[in-house]
Amino acid sequence: MSVRSPHTPPALSAAVRQDVVAQQLDNINVLAEALAMAIRDGDSENEAKLRVSLERYVAAFRWAATDSLPGILAYASARPDLDDDLFAPAFILRLVARDHHETQKLVALVSDDVRALLARVA
């Protein structure tokens, strides 16, 4: 997910990275909503497909963990009252940066519903 270029000013490069991370986290949140519905409806086939999609995001974030971490934390701090939006950063941090000091803080902020979904997938 690194989008650095020798021709891109550092401030712009950081802004672009933040936008990319935010878009990916938004996508994860959409998948999480669909996953929660699939679990609720007992749709195991769709649940399996959604889990595979989520695993692809985890792989991508692991590949670029160092560059992505500031963006993940910024995304979470910009949405403190939007519990459903906190699923994605908590999900990624639990799988990519489990020992990071912000991970447990973020997981402690989410609702019981989000925490239960995290327990099923992370």
PDB file of N, CA and C in Angstrom:
ATOM      1  N   MET A   1       0.798  -1.183   0.000  1.00  0.00           N
ATOM      2  CA  MET A   1       0.000   0.000   0.000  1.00  0.00           C
ATOM      3  C   MET A   1       0.847   1.256   0.000  1.00  0.00           C
ATOM      4  N   SER A   2       2.113   1.134  -0.067  1.00  0.00           N
ATOM      5  CA  SER A   2       2.969   2.297  -0.088  1.00  0.00           C
ATOM      6  C   SER A   2       2.874   2.961  -1.456  1.00  0.00           C
ATOM      7  N   VAL A   3       2.622   4.248  -1.447  1.00  0.00           N
ATOM      8  CA  VAL A   3       2.464   4.977  -2.700  1.00  0.00           C
ATOM      9  C   VAL A   3       3.490   6.105  -2.796  1.00  0.00           C
ATOM     10  N   ARG A   4       4.659   5.863  -2.298  1.00  0.00           N
ATOM     11  CA  ARG A   4       5.722   6.858  -2.363  1.00  0.00           C
ATOM     12  C   ARG A   4       6.322   6.896  -3.755  1.00  0.00           C
ATOM     13  N   SER A   5       6.696   8.074  -4.136  1.00  0.00           N
ATOM     14  CA  SER A   5       7.348   8.265  -5.415  1.00  0.00           C
ATOM     15  C   SER A   5       8.423   9.327  -5.226  1.00  0.00           C
ATOM     16  N   PRO A   6       9.510   9.205  -5.944  1.00  0.00           N
ATOM     17  CA  PRO A   6      10.534  10.241  -5.817  1.00  0.00           C
ATOM     18  C   PRO A   6      10.036  11.596  -6.316  1.00  0.00           C
ATOM     19  N   HIS A   7       8.928  11.616  -7.031  1.00  0.00           N
ATOM     20  CA  HIS A   7       8.386  12.853  -7.595  1.00  0.00           C
ATOM     21  C   HIS A   7       7.221  13.393  -6.782  1.00  0.00           C
ATOM     22  N   THR A   8       6.838  12.701  -5.717  1.00  0.00           N
ATOM     23  CA  THR A   8       5.712  13.123  -4.902  1.00  0.00           C
ATOM     24  C   THR A   8       6.221  13.794  -3.635  1.00  0.00           C
ATOM     25  N   PRO A   9       5.768  15.011  -3.360  1.00  0.00           N
ATOM     26  CA  PRO A   9       6.193  15.671  -2.118  1.00  0.00           C
ATOM     27  C   PRO A   9       5.781  14.832  -0.907  1.00  0.00           C
ATOM     28  N   PRO A  10       6.594  14.784   0.146  1.00  0.00           N
ATOM     29  CA  PRO A  10       6.296  13.943   1.309  1.00  0.00           C
ATOM     30  C   PRO A  10       4.915  14.190   1.908  1.00  0.00           C
ATOM     31  N   ALA A  11       4.480  15.447   2.011  1.00  0.00           N
ATOM     32  CA  ALA A  11       3.166  15.736   2.591  1.00  0.00           C
ATOM     33  C   ALA A  11       2.053  15.145   1.733  1.00  0.00           C
ATOM     34  N   LEU A  12       2.178  15.258   0.430  1.00  0.00           N
ATOM     35  CA  LEU A  12       1.176  14.692  -0.468  1.00  0.00           C
ATOM     36  C   LEU A  12       1.203  13.172  -0.392  1.00  0.00           C
ATOM     37  N   SER A  13       2.394  12.612  -0.346  1.00  0.00           N
ATOM     38  CA  SER A  13       2.516  11.172  -0.250  1.00  0.00           C
ATOM     39  C   SER A  13       1.827  10.660   1.013  1.00  0.00           C
ATOM     40  N   ALA A  14       2.000  11.340   2.143  1.00  0.00           N
ATOM     41  CA  ALA A  14       1.348  10.944   3.392  1.00  0.00           C
ATOM     42  C   ALA A  14      -0.168  11.065   3.266  1.00  0.00           C
ATOM     43  N   ALA A  15      -0.636  12.112   2.621  1.00  0.00           N
ATOM     44  CA  ALA A  15      -2.081  12.295   2.442  1.00  0.00           C
ATOM     45  C   ALA A  15      -2.664  11.203   1.552  1.00  0.00           C
ATOM     46  N   VAL A  16      -1.944  10.857   0.511  1.00  0.00           N
ATOM     47  CA  VAL A  16      -2.411   9.797  -0.383  1.00  0.00           C
ATOM     48  C   VAL A  16      -2.437   8.465   0.362  1.00  0.00           C
ATOM     49  N   ARG A  17      -1.387   8.184   1.130  1.00  0.00           N
ATOM     50  CA  ARG A  17      -1.368   6.940   1.924  1.00  0.00           C
ATOM     51  C   ARG A  17      -2.557   6.896   2.876  1.00  0.00           C
ATOM     52  N   GLN A  18      -2.834   8.022   3.532  1.00  0.00           N
ATOM     53  CA  GLN A  18      -3.971   8.080   4.459  1.00  0.00           C
ATOM     54  C   GLN A  18      -5.279   7.807   3.728  1.00  0.00           C
ATOM     55  N   ASP A  19      -5.440   8.387   2.549  1.00  0.00           N
ATOM     56  CA  ASP A  19      -6.662   8.150   1.766  1.00  0.00           C
ATOM     57  C   ASP A  19      -6.797   6.684   1.374  1.00  0.00           C
ATOM     58  N   VAL A  20      -5.696   6.065   0.977  1.00  0.00           N
ATOM     59  CA  VAL A  20      -5.729   4.654   0.593  1.00  0.00           C
ATOM     60  C   VAL A  20      -6.098   3.785   1.792  1.00  0.00           C
ATOM     61  N   VAL A  21      -5.483   4.043   2.931  1.00  0.00           N
ATOM     62  CA  VAL A  21      -5.782   3.270   4.135  1.00  0.00           C
ATOM     63  C   VAL A  21      -7.248   3.460   4.527  1.00  0.00           C
ATOM     64  N   ALA A  22      -7.733   4.692   4.509  1.00  0.00           N
ATOM     65  CA  ALA A  22      -9.128   4.953   4.883  1.00  0.00           C
ATOM     66  C   ALA A  22     -10.086   4.222   3.953  1.00  0.00           C
ATOM     67  N   GLN A  23      -9.813   4.219   2.663  1.00  0.00           N
ATOM     68  CA  GLN A  23     -10.689   3.524   1.715  1.00  0.00           C
ATOM     69  C   GLN A  23     -10.697   2.020   1.988  1.00  0.00           C
ATOM     70  N   GLN A  24      -9.538   1.466   2.263  1.00  0.00           N
ATOM     71  CA  GLN A  24      -9.470   0.033   2.546  1.00  0.00           C
ATOM     72  C   GLN A  24     -10.211  -0.304   3.841  1.00  0.00           C
ATOM     73  N   LEU A  25     -10.081   0.531   4.851  1.00  0.00           N
ATOM     74  CA  LEU A  25     -10.800   0.295   6.105  1.00  0.00           C
ATOM     75  C   LEU A  25     -12.305   0.442   5.917  1.00  0.00           C
ATOM     76  N   ASP A  26     -12.718   1.398   5.090  1.00  0.00           N
ATOM     77  CA  ASP A  26     -14.148   1.514   4.766  1.00  0.00           C
ATOM     78  C   ASP A  26     -14.646   0.231   4.096  1.00  0.00           C
ATOM     79  N   ASN A  27     -13.849  -0.304   3.190  1.00  0.00           N
ATOM     80  CA  ASN A  27     -14.221  -1.557   2.516  1.00  0.00           C
ATOM     81  C   ASN A  27     -14.338  -2.706   3.515  1.00  0.00           C
ATOM     82  N   ILE A  28     -13.431  -2.771   4.460  1.00  0.00           N
ATOM     83  CA  ILE A  28     -13.484  -3.812   5.488  1.00  0.00           C
ATOM     84  C   ILE A  28     -14.758  -3.669   6.321  1.00  0.00           C
ATOM     85  N   ASN A  29     -15.120  -2.451   6.655  1.00  0.00           N
ATOM     86  CA  ASN A  29     -16.343  -2.240   7.430  1.00  0.00           C
ATOM     87  C   ASN A  29     -17.581  -2.707   6.674  1.00  0.00           C
ATOM     88  N   VAL A  30     -17.604  -2.495   5.379  1.00  0.00           N
ATOM     89  CA  VAL A  30     -18.727  -2.977   4.564  1.00  0.00           C
ATOM     90  C   VAL A  30     -18.763  -4.511   4.578  1.00  0.00           C
ATOM     91  N   LEU A  31     -17.607  -5.126   4.426  1.00  0.00           N
ATOM     92  CA  LEU A  31     -17.542  -6.590   4.496  1.00  0.00           C
ATOM     93  C   LEU A  31     -17.988  -7.090   5.872  1.00  0.00           C
ATOM     94  N   ALA A  32     -17.638  -6.379   6.920  1.00  0.00           N
ATOM     95  CA  ALA A  32     -18.033  -6.779   8.275  1.00  0.00           C
ATOM     96  C   ALA A  32     -19.541  -6.736   8.446  1.00  0.00           C
ATOM     97  N   GLU A  33     -20.179  -5.714   7.899  1.00  0.00           N
ATOM     98  CA  GLU A  33     -21.646  -5.646   7.964  1.00  0.00           C
ATOM     99  C   GLU A  33     -22.270  -6.826   7.242  1.00  0.00           C
ATOM    100  N   ALA A  34     -21.741  -7.134   6.078  1.00  0.00           N
ATOM    101  CA  ALA A  34     -22.253  -8.280   5.320  1.00  0.00           C
ATOM    102  C   ALA A  34     -21.990  -9.584   6.070  1.00  0.00           C
ATOM    103  N   LEU A  35     -20.823  -9.684   6.697  1.00  0.00           N
ATOM    104  CA  LEU A  35     -20.492 -10.879   7.461  1.00  0.00           C
ATOM    105  C   LEU A  35     -21.436 -11.045   8.650  1.00  0.00           C
ATOM    106  N   ALA A  36     -21.720  -9.973   9.350  1.00  0.00           N
ATOM    107  CA  ALA A  36     -22.645 -10.046  10.485  1.00  0.00           C
ATOM    108  C   ALA A  36     -24.019 -10.529  10.024  1.00  0.00           C
ATOM    109  N   MET A  37     -24.462 -10.056   8.872  1.00  0.00           N
ATOM    110  CA  MET A  37     -25.758 -10.514   8.333  1.00  0.00           C
ATOM    111  C   MET A  37     -25.702 -11.985   7.944  1.00  0.00           C
ATOM    112  N   ALA A  38     -24.618 -12.406   7.323  1.00  0.00           N
ATOM    113  CA  ALA A  38     -24.479 -13.809   6.921  1.00  0.00           C
ATOM    114  C   ALA A  38     -24.479 -14.719   8.147  1.00  0.00           C
ATOM    115  N   ILE A  39     -23.801 -14.302   9.194  1.00  0.00           N
ATOM    116  CA  ILE A  39     -23.775 -15.086  10.428  1.00  0.00           C
ATOM    117  C   ILE A  39     -25.179 -15.142  11.025  1.00  0.00           C
ATOM    118  N   ARG A  40     -25.822 -13.992  11.094  1.00  0.00           N
ATOM    119  CA  ARG A  40     -27.191 -13.921  11.647  1.00  0.00           C
ATOM    120  C   ARG A  40     -28.155 -14.808  10.876  1.00  0.00           C
ATOM    121  N   ASP A  41     -27.997 -14.823   9.540  1.00  0.00           N
ATOM    122  CA  ASP A  41     -28.906 -15.584   8.687  1.00  0.00           C
ATOM    123  C   ASP A  41     -28.493 -17.042   8.524  1.00  0.00           C
ATOM    124  N   GLY A  42     -27.365 -17.413   9.079  1.00  0.00           N
ATOM    125  CA  GLY A  42     -26.892 -18.783   8.938  1.00  0.00           C
ATOM    126  C   GLY A  42     -26.448 -19.121   7.527  1.00  0.00           C
ATOM    127  N   ASP A  43     -26.014 -18.112   6.783  1.00  0.00           N
ATOM    128  CA  ASP A  43     -25.572 -18.295   5.397  1.00  0.00           C
ATOM    129  C   ASP A  43     -24.079 -18.631   5.386  1.00  0.00           C
ATOM    130  N   SER A  44     -23.761 -19.894   5.619  1.00  0.00           N
ATOM    131  CA  SER A  44     -22.360 -20.300   5.765  1.00  0.00           C
ATOM    132  C   SER A  44     -21.559 -20.133   4.480  1.00  0.00           C
ATOM    133  N   GLU A  45     -22.193 -20.281   3.332  1.00  0.00           N
ATOM    134  CA  GLU A  45     -21.467 -20.109   2.069  1.00  0.00           C
ATOM    135  C   GLU A  45     -21.012 -18.660   1.902  1.00  0.00           C
ATOM    136  N   ASN A  46     -21.911 -17.726   2.134  1.00  0.00           N
ATOM    137  CA  ASN A  46     -21.560 -16.315   2.025  1.00  0.00           C
ATOM    138  C   ASN A  46     -20.572 -15.922   3.121  1.00  0.00           C
ATOM    139  N   GLU A  47     -20.754 -16.476   4.316  1.00  0.00           N
ATOM    140  CA  GLU A  47     -19.832 -16.204   5.414  1.00  0.00           C
ATOM    141  C   GLU A  47     -18.412 -16.613   5.032  1.00  0.00           C
ATOM    142  N   ALA A  48     -18.266 -17.774   4.432  1.00  0.00           N
ATOM    143  CA  ALA A  48     -16.940 -18.256   4.026  1.00  0.00           C
ATOM    144  C   ALA A  48     -16.315 -17.325   2.986  1.00  0.00           C
ATOM    145  N   LYS A  49     -17.109 -16.877   2.021  1.00  0.00           N
ATOM    146  CA  LYS A  49     -16.593 -15.964   0.993  1.00  0.00           C
ATOM    147  C   LYS A  49     -16.147 -14.640   1.616  1.00  0.00           C
ATOM    148  N   LEU A  50     -16.931 -14.140   2.545  1.00  0.00           N
ATOM    149  CA  LEU A  50     -16.594 -12.871   3.186  1.00  0.00           C
ATOM    150  C   LEU A  50     -15.328 -12.998   4.032  1.00  0.00           C
ATOM    151  N   ARG A  51     -15.170 -14.123   4.693  1.00  0.00           N
ATOM    152  CA  ARG A  51     -13.955 -14.350   5.481  1.00  0.00           C
ATOM    153  C   ARG A  51     -12.715 -14.360   4.582  1.00  0.00           C
ATOM    154  N   VAL A  52     -12.824 -14.958   3.410  1.00  0.00           N
ATOM    155  CA  VAL A  52     -11.702 -14.964   2.467  1.00  0.00           C
ATOM    156  C   VAL A  52     -11.378 -13.537   2.042  1.00  0.00           C
ATOM    157  N   SER A  53     -12.391 -12.744   1.768  1.00  0.00           N
ATOM    158  CA  SER A  53     -12.157 -11.342   1.399  1.00  0.00           C
ATOM    159  C   SER A  53     -11.465 -10.590   2.518  1.00  0.00           C
ATOM    160  N   LEU A  54     -11.903 -10.804   3.748  1.00  0.00           N
ATOM    161  CA  LEU A  54     -11.259 -10.145   4.885  1.00  0.00           C
ATOM    162  C   LEU A  54      -9.809 -10.591   5.035  1.00  0.00           C
ATOM    163  N   GLU A  55      -9.544 -11.857   4.794  1.00  0.00           N
ATOM    164  CA  GLU A  55      -8.173 -12.367   4.882  1.00  0.00           C
ATOM    165  C   GLU A  55      -7.255 -11.693   3.862  1.00  0.00           C
ATOM    166  N   ARG A  56      -7.794 -11.355   2.711  1.00  0.00           N
ATOM    167  CA  ARG A  56      -6.980 -10.660   1.699  1.00  0.00           C
ATOM    168  C   ARG A  56      -6.570  -9.273   2.188  1.00  0.00           C
ATOM    169  N   TYR A  57      -7.492  -8.595   2.862  1.00  0.00           N
ATOM    170  CA  TYR A  57      -7.143  -7.282   3.414  1.00  0.00           C
ATOM    171  C   TYR A  57      -6.079  -7.416   4.493  1.00  0.00           C
ATOM    172  N   VAL A  58      -6.206  -8.427   5.324  1.00  0.00           N
ATOM    173  CA  VAL A  58      -5.196  -8.652   6.364  1.00  0.00           C
ATOM    174  C   VAL A  58      -3.830  -8.860   5.722  1.00  0.00           C
ATOM    175  N   ALA A  59      -3.781  -9.666   4.686  1.00  0.00           N
ATOM    176  CA  ALA A  59      -2.506  -9.919   4.001  1.00  0.00           C
ATOM    177  C   ALA A  59      -1.921  -8.618   3.454  1.00  0.00           C
ATOM    178  N   ALA A  60      -2.760  -7.791   2.863  1.00  0.00           N
ATOM    179  CA  ALA A  60      -2.281  -6.520   2.309  1.00  0.00           C
ATOM    180  C   ALA A  60      -1.763  -5.600   3.405  1.00  0.00           C
ATOM    181  N   PHE A  61      -2.485  -5.519   4.511  1.00  0.00           N
ATOM    182  CA  PHE A  61      -2.030  -4.663   5.603  1.00  0.00           C
ATOM    183  C   PHE A  61      -0.774  -5.209   6.267  1.00  0.00           C
ATOM    184  N   ARG A  62      -0.623  -6.520   6.330  1.00  0.00           N
ATOM    185  CA  ARG A  62       0.615  -7.089   6.885  1.00  0.00           C
ATOM    186  C   ARG A  62       1.803  -6.706   6.007  1.00  0.00           C
ATOM    187  N   TRP A  63       1.579  -6.719   4.716  1.00  0.00           N
ATOM    188  CA  TRP A  63       2.639  -6.409   3.763  1.00  0.00           C
ATOM    189  C   TRP A  63       3.123  -4.975   3.937  1.00  0.00           C
ATOM    190  N   ALA A  64       2.219  -4.075   4.313  1.00  0.00           N
ATOM    191  CA  ALA A  64       2.561  -2.661   4.437  1.00  0.00           C
ATOM    192  C   ALA A  64       2.274  -2.146   5.849  1.00  0.00           C
ATOM    193  N   ALA A  65       2.504  -2.961   6.850  1.00  0.00           N
ATOM    194  CA  ALA A  65       2.127  -2.612   8.223  1.00  0.00           C
ATOM    195  C   ALA A  65       2.768  -1.306   8.701  1.00  0.00           C
ATOM    196  N   THR A  66       4.037  -1.143   8.467  1.00  0.00           N
ATOM    197  CA  THR A  66       4.723   0.048   8.951  1.00  0.00           C
ATOM    198  C   THR A  66       4.145   1.317   8.337  1.00  0.00           C
ATOM    199  N   ASP A  67       3.906   1.297   7.034  1.00  0.00           N
ATOM    200  CA  ASP A  67       3.347   2.466   6.365  1.00  0.00           C
ATOM    201  C   ASP A  67       1.881   2.685   6.713  1.00  0.00           C
ATOM    202  N   SER A  68       1.161   1.619   7.025  1.00  0.00           N
ATOM    203  CA  SER A  68      -0.281   1.697   7.252  1.00  0.00           C
ATOM    204  C   SER A  68      -0.669   2.065   8.669  1.00  0.00           C
ATOM    205  N   LEU A  69       0.157   1.727   9.636  1.00  0.00           N
ATOM    206  CA  LEU A  69      -0.209   1.909  11.032  1.00  0.00           C
ATOM    207  C   LEU A  69      -0.639   3.335  11.373  1.00  0.00           C
ATOM    208  N   PRO A  70       0.096   4.366  10.970  1.00  0.00           N
ATOM    209  CA  PRO A  70      -0.362   5.729  11.292  1.00  0.00           C
ATOM    210  C   PRO A  70      -1.744   6.033  10.699  1.00  0.00           C
ATOM    211  N   GLY A  71      -2.006   5.544   9.510  1.00  0.00           N
ATOM    212  CA  GLY A  71      -3.305   5.776   8.875  1.00  0.00           C
ATOM    213  C   GLY A  71      -4.429   5.044   9.575  1.00  0.00           C
ATOM    214  N   ILE A  72      -4.150   3.838  10.039  1.00  0.00           N
ATOM    215  CA  ILE A  72      -5.164   3.064  10.769  1.00  0.00           C
ATOM    216  C   ILE A  72      -5.521   3.785  12.063  1.00  0.00           C
ATOM    217  N   LEU A  73      -4.522   4.247  12.777  1.00  0.00           N
ATOM    218  CA  LEU A  73      -4.763   4.949  14.038  1.00  0.00           C
ATOM    219  C   LEU A  73      -5.482   6.275  13.806  1.00  0.00           C
ATOM    220  N   ALA A  74      -5.134   6.981  12.742  1.00  0.00           N
ATOM    221  CA  ALA A  74      -5.811   8.243  12.422  1.00  0.00           C
ATOM    222  C   ALA A  74      -7.277   7.988  12.072  1.00  0.00           C
ATOM    223  N   TYR A  75      -7.529   6.940  11.313  1.00  0.00           N
ATOM    224  CA  TYR A  75      -8.902   6.566  10.946  1.00  0.00           C
ATOM    225  C   TYR A  75      -9.729   6.309  12.203  1.00  0.00           C
ATOM    226  N   ALA A  76      -9.178   5.540  13.124  1.00  0.00           N
ATOM    227  CA  ALA A  76      -9.912   5.209  14.355  1.00  0.00           C
ATOM    228  C   ALA A  76     -10.136   6.444  15.221  1.00  0.00           C
ATOM    229  N   SER A  77      -9.131   7.294  15.333  1.00  0.00           N
ATOM    230  CA  SER A  77      -9.285   8.468  16.203  1.00  0.00           C
ATOM    231  C   SER A  77     -10.252   9.494  15.613  1.00  0.00           C
ATOM    232  N   ALA A  78     -10.457   9.464  14.309  1.00  0.00           N
ATOM    233  CA  ALA A  78     -11.392  10.394  13.668  1.00  0.00           C
ATOM    234  C   ALA A  78     -12.842   9.933  13.791  1.00  0.00           C
ATOM    235  N   ARG A  79     -13.070   8.713  14.311  1.00  0.00           N
ATOM    236  CA  ARG A  79     -14.417   8.148  14.388  1.00  0.00           C
ATOM    237  C   ARG A  79     -14.730   7.594  15.781  1.00  0.00           C
ATOM    238  N   PRO A  80     -14.435   8.322  16.833  1.00  0.00           N
ATOM    239  CA  PRO A  80     -14.606   7.733  18.167  1.00  0.00           C
ATOM    240  C   PRO A  80     -16.057   7.398  18.516  1.00  0.00           C
ATOM    241  N   ASP A  81     -16.994   8.081  17.902  1.00  0.00           N
ATOM    242  CA  ASP A  81     -18.406   7.841  18.220  1.00  0.00           C
ATOM    243  C   ASP A  81     -19.099   6.951  17.201  1.00  0.00           C
ATOM    244  N   LEU A  82     -18.392   6.469  16.228  1.00  0.00           N
ATOM    245  CA  LEU A  82     -18.967   5.630  15.183  1.00  0.00           C
ATOM    246  C   LEU A  82     -18.497   4.191  15.388  1.00  0.00           C
ATOM    247  N   ASP A  83     -19.140   3.527  16.315  1.00  0.00           N
ATOM    248  CA  ASP A  83     -18.685   2.208  16.743  1.00  0.00           C
ATOM    249  C   ASP A  83     -18.531   1.228  15.593  1.00  0.00           C
ATOM    250  N   ASP A  84     -19.477   1.187  14.678  1.00  0.00           N
ATOM    251  CA  ASP A  84     -19.366   0.241  13.570  1.00  0.00           C
ATOM    252  C   ASP A  84     -18.125   0.505  12.722  1.00  0.00           C
ATOM    253  N   ASP A  85     -17.727   1.759  12.614  1.00  0.00           N
ATOM    254  CA  ASP A  85     -16.535   2.102  11.843  1.00  0.00           C
ATOM    255  C   ASP A  85     -15.252   1.656  12.539  1.00  0.00           C
ATOM    256  N   LEU A  86     -15.324   1.388  13.822  1.00  0.00           N
ATOM    257  CA  LEU A  86     -14.141   0.958  14.558  1.00  0.00           C
ATOM    258  C   LEU A  86     -13.824  -0.516  14.351  1.00  0.00           C
ATOM    259  N   PHE A  87     -14.755  -1.268  13.736  1.00  0.00           N
ATOM    260  CA  PHE A  87     -14.475  -2.676  13.488  1.00  0.00           C
ATOM    261  C   PHE A  87     -13.199  -2.825  12.664  1.00  0.00           C
ATOM    262  N   ALA A  88     -13.106  -2.131  11.542  1.00  0.00           N
ATOM    263  CA  ALA A  88     -11.974  -2.318  10.616  1.00  0.00           C
ATOM    264  C   ALA A  88     -10.629  -2.041  11.270  1.00  0.00           C
ATOM    265  N   PRO A  89     -10.437  -0.884  11.918  1.00  0.00           N
ATOM    266  CA  PRO A  89      -9.114  -0.684  12.516  1.00  0.00           C
ATOM    267  C   PRO A  89      -8.829  -1.681  13.642  1.00  0.00           C
ATOM    268  N   ALA A  90      -9.837  -2.022  14.433  1.00  0.00           N
ATOM    269  CA  ALA A  90      -9.616  -3.005  15.502  1.00  0.00           C
ATOM    270  C   ALA A  90      -9.286  -4.371  14.915  1.00  0.00           C
ATOM    271  N   PHE A  91      -9.980  -4.749  13.869  1.00  0.00           N
ATOM    272  CA  PHE A  91      -9.745  -6.029  13.196  1.00  0.00           C
ATOM    273  C   PHE A  91      -8.319  -6.111  12.664  1.00  0.00           C
ATOM    274  N   ILE A  92      -7.914  -5.089  11.937  1.00  0.00           N
ATOM    275  CA  ILE A  92      -6.572  -5.095  11.347  1.00  0.00           C
ATOM    276  C   ILE A  92      -5.505  -5.033  12.435  1.00  0.00           C
ATOM    277  N   LEU A  93      -5.680  -4.165  13.405  1.00  0.00           N
ATOM    278  CA  LEU A  93      -4.668  -4.057  14.450  1.00  0.00           C
ATOM    279  C   LEU A  93      -4.531  -5.354  15.242  1.00  0.00           C
ATOM    280  N   ARG A  94      -5.637  -6.028  15.507  1.00  0.00           N
ATOM    281  CA  ARG A  94      -5.552  -7.295  16.258  1.00  0.00           C
ATOM    282  C   ARG A  94      -4.766  -8.349  15.491  1.00  0.00           C
ATOM    283  N   LEU A  95      -4.809  -8.298  14.175  1.00  0.00           N
ATOM    284  CA  LEU A  95      -4.130  -9.311  13.377  1.00  0.00           C
ATOM    285  C   LEU A  95      -2.757  -8.886  12.873  1.00  0.00           C
ATOM    286  N   VAL A  96      -2.527  -7.598  12.772  1.00  0.00           N
ATOM    287  CA  VAL A  96      -1.280  -7.101  12.199  1.00  0.00           C
ATOM    288  C   VAL A  96      -0.362  -6.495  13.272  1.00  0.00           C
ATOM    289  N   ALA A  97      -0.947  -5.897  14.292  1.00  0.00           N
ATOM    290  CA  ALA A  97      -0.147  -5.224  15.326  1.00  0.00           C
ATOM    291  C   ALA A  97      -0.713  -5.538  16.710  1.00  0.00           C
ATOM    292  N   ARG A  98      -0.875  -6.815  16.983  1.00  0.00           N
ATOM    293  CA  ARG A  98      -1.507  -7.251  18.241  1.00  0.00           C
ATOM    294  C   ARG A  98      -0.814  -6.645  19.465  1.00  0.00           C
ATOM    295  N   ASP A  99       0.491  -6.497  19.434  1.00  0.00           N
ATOM    296  CA  ASP A  99       1.238  -6.007  20.595  1.00  0.00           C
ATOM    297  C   ASP A  99       1.372  -4.486  20.646  1.00  0.00           C
ATOM    298  N   HIS A 100       0.858  -3.798  19.657  1.00  0.00           N
ATOM    299  CA  HIS A 100       0.949  -2.334  19.651  1.00  0.00           C
ATOM    300  C   HIS A 100       0.089  -1.791  20.796  1.00  0.00           C
ATOM    301  N   HIS A 101       0.592  -0.777  21.481  1.00  0.00           N
ATOM    302  CA  HIS A 101      -0.114  -0.259  22.657  1.00  0.00           C
ATOM    303  C   HIS A 101      -1.495   0.311  22.333  1.00  0.00           C
ATOM    304  N   GLU A 102      -1.735   0.747  21.125  1.00  0.00           N
ATOM    305  CA  GLU A 102      -3.039   1.308  20.755  1.00  0.00           C
ATOM    306  C   GLU A 102      -4.077   0.222  20.460  1.00  0.00           C
ATOM    307  N   THR A 103      -3.637  -0.983  20.180  1.00  0.00           N
ATOM    308  CA  THR A 103      -4.571  -2.041  19.800  1.00  0.00           C
ATOM    309  C   THR A 103      -5.553  -2.338  20.921  1.00  0.00           C
ATOM    310  N   GLN A 104      -5.053  -2.575  22.120  1.00  0.00           N
ATOM    311  CA  GLN A 104      -5.956  -2.895  23.236  1.00  0.00           C
ATOM    312  C   GLN A 104      -6.845  -1.715  23.596  1.00  0.00           C
ATOM    313  N   LYS A 105      -6.327  -0.495  23.484  1.00  0.00           N
ATOM    314  CA  LYS A 105      -7.147   0.693  23.749  1.00  0.00           C
ATOM    315  C   LYS A 105      -8.327   0.741  22.789  1.00  0.00           C
ATOM    316  N   LEU A 106      -8.053   0.480  21.529  1.00  0.00           N
ATOM    317  CA  LEU A 106      -9.105   0.536  20.518  1.00  0.00           C
ATOM    318  C   LEU A 106     -10.125  -0.576  20.725  1.00  0.00           C
ATOM    319  N   VAL A 107      -9.672  -1.767  20.980  1.00  0.00           N
ATOM    320  CA  VAL A 107     -10.596  -2.887  21.191  1.00  0.00           C
ATOM    321  C   VAL A 107     -11.476  -2.617  22.406  1.00  0.00           C
ATOM    322  N   ALA A 108     -10.954  -1.949  23.408  1.00  0.00           N
ATOM    323  CA  ALA A 108     -11.744  -1.629  24.600  1.00  0.00           C
ATOM    324  C   ALA A 108     -12.853  -0.627  24.298  1.00  0.00           C
ATOM    325  N   LEU A 109     -12.719   0.146  23.230  1.00  0.00           N
ATOM    326  CA  LEU A 109     -13.723   1.158  22.890  1.00  0.00           C
ATOM    327  C   LEU A 109     -14.935   0.604  22.147  1.00  0.00           C
ATOM    328  N   VAL A 110     -14.796  -0.539  21.518  1.00  0.00           N
ATOM    329  CA  VAL A 110     -15.883  -1.021  20.655  1.00  0.00           C
ATOM    330  C   VAL A 110     -17.012  -1.617  21.473  1.00  0.00           C
ATOM    331  N   SER A 111     -18.189  -1.654  20.865  1.00  0.00           N
ATOM    332  CA  SER A 111     -19.370  -2.207  21.527  1.00  0.00           C
ATOM    333  C   SER A 111     -19.255  -3.720  21.664  1.00  0.00           C
ATOM    334  N   ASP A 112     -20.140  -4.279  22.444  1.00  0.00           N
ATOM    335  CA  ASP A 112     -20.165  -5.733  22.611  1.00  0.00           C
ATOM    336  C   ASP A 112     -20.426  -6.439  21.289  1.00  0.00           C
ATOM    337  N   ASP A 113     -21.271  -5.855  20.432  1.00  0.00           N
ATOM    338  CA  ASP A 113     -21.563  -6.466  19.128  1.00  0.00           C
ATOM    339  C   ASP A 113     -20.314  -6.520  18.252  1.00  0.00           C
ATOM    340  N   VAL A 114     -19.594  -5.420  18.203  1.00  0.00           N
ATOM    341  CA  VAL A 114     -18.358  -5.380  17.404  1.00  0.00           C
ATOM    342  C   VAL A 114     -17.323  -6.310  18.009  1.00  0.00           C
ATOM    343  N   ARG A 115     -17.208  -6.315  19.324  1.00  0.00           N
ATOM    344  CA  ARG A 115     -16.258  -7.199  20.006  1.00  0.00           C
ATOM    345  C   ARG A 115     -16.582  -8.665  19.711  1.00  0.00           C
ATOM    346  N   ALA A 116     -17.867  -9.008  19.704  1.00  0.00           N
ATOM    347  CA  ALA A 116     -18.266 -10.391  19.406  1.00  0.00           C
ATOM    348  C   ALA A 116     -17.900 -10.770  17.969  1.00  0.00           C
ATOM    349  N   LEU A 117     -18.096  -9.841  17.023  1.00  0.00           N
ATOM    350  CA  LEU A 117     -17.724 -10.128  15.635  1.00  0.00           C
ATOM    351  C   LEU A 117     -16.203 -10.251  15.517  1.00  0.00           C
ATOM    352  N   LEU A 118     -15.479  -9.409  16.213  1.00  0.00           N
ATOM    353  CA  LEU A 118     -14.016  -9.513  16.199  1.00  0.00           C
ATOM    354  C   LEU A 118     -13.573 -10.870  16.735  1.00  0.00           C
ATOM    355  N   ALA A 119     -14.224 -11.341  17.765  1.00  0.00           N
ATOM    356  CA  ALA A 119     -13.860 -12.644  18.336  1.00  0.00           C
ATOM    357  C   ALA A 119     -14.088 -13.777  17.350  1.00  0.00           C
ATOM    358  N   ARG A 120     -15.038 -13.608  16.462  1.00  0.00           N
ATOM    359  CA  ARG A 120     -15.326 -14.653  15.472  1.00  0.00           C
ATOM    360  C   ARG A 120     -14.344 -14.645  14.310  1.00  0.00           C
ATOM    361  N   VAL A 121     -13.720 -13.493  14.046  1.00  0.00           N
ATOM    362  CA  VAL A 121     -12.891 -13.393  12.841  1.00  0.00           C
ATOM    363  C   VAL A 121     -11.435 -13.033  13.101  1.00  0.00           C
ATOM    364  N   ALA A 122     -11.114 -12.537  14.268  1.00  0.00           N
ATOM    365  CA  ALA A 122      -9.729 -12.084  14.493  1.00  0.00           C
ATOM    366  C   ALA A 122      -9.091 -12.857  15.625  1.00  0.00           C
TER     367      ALA A 122
END
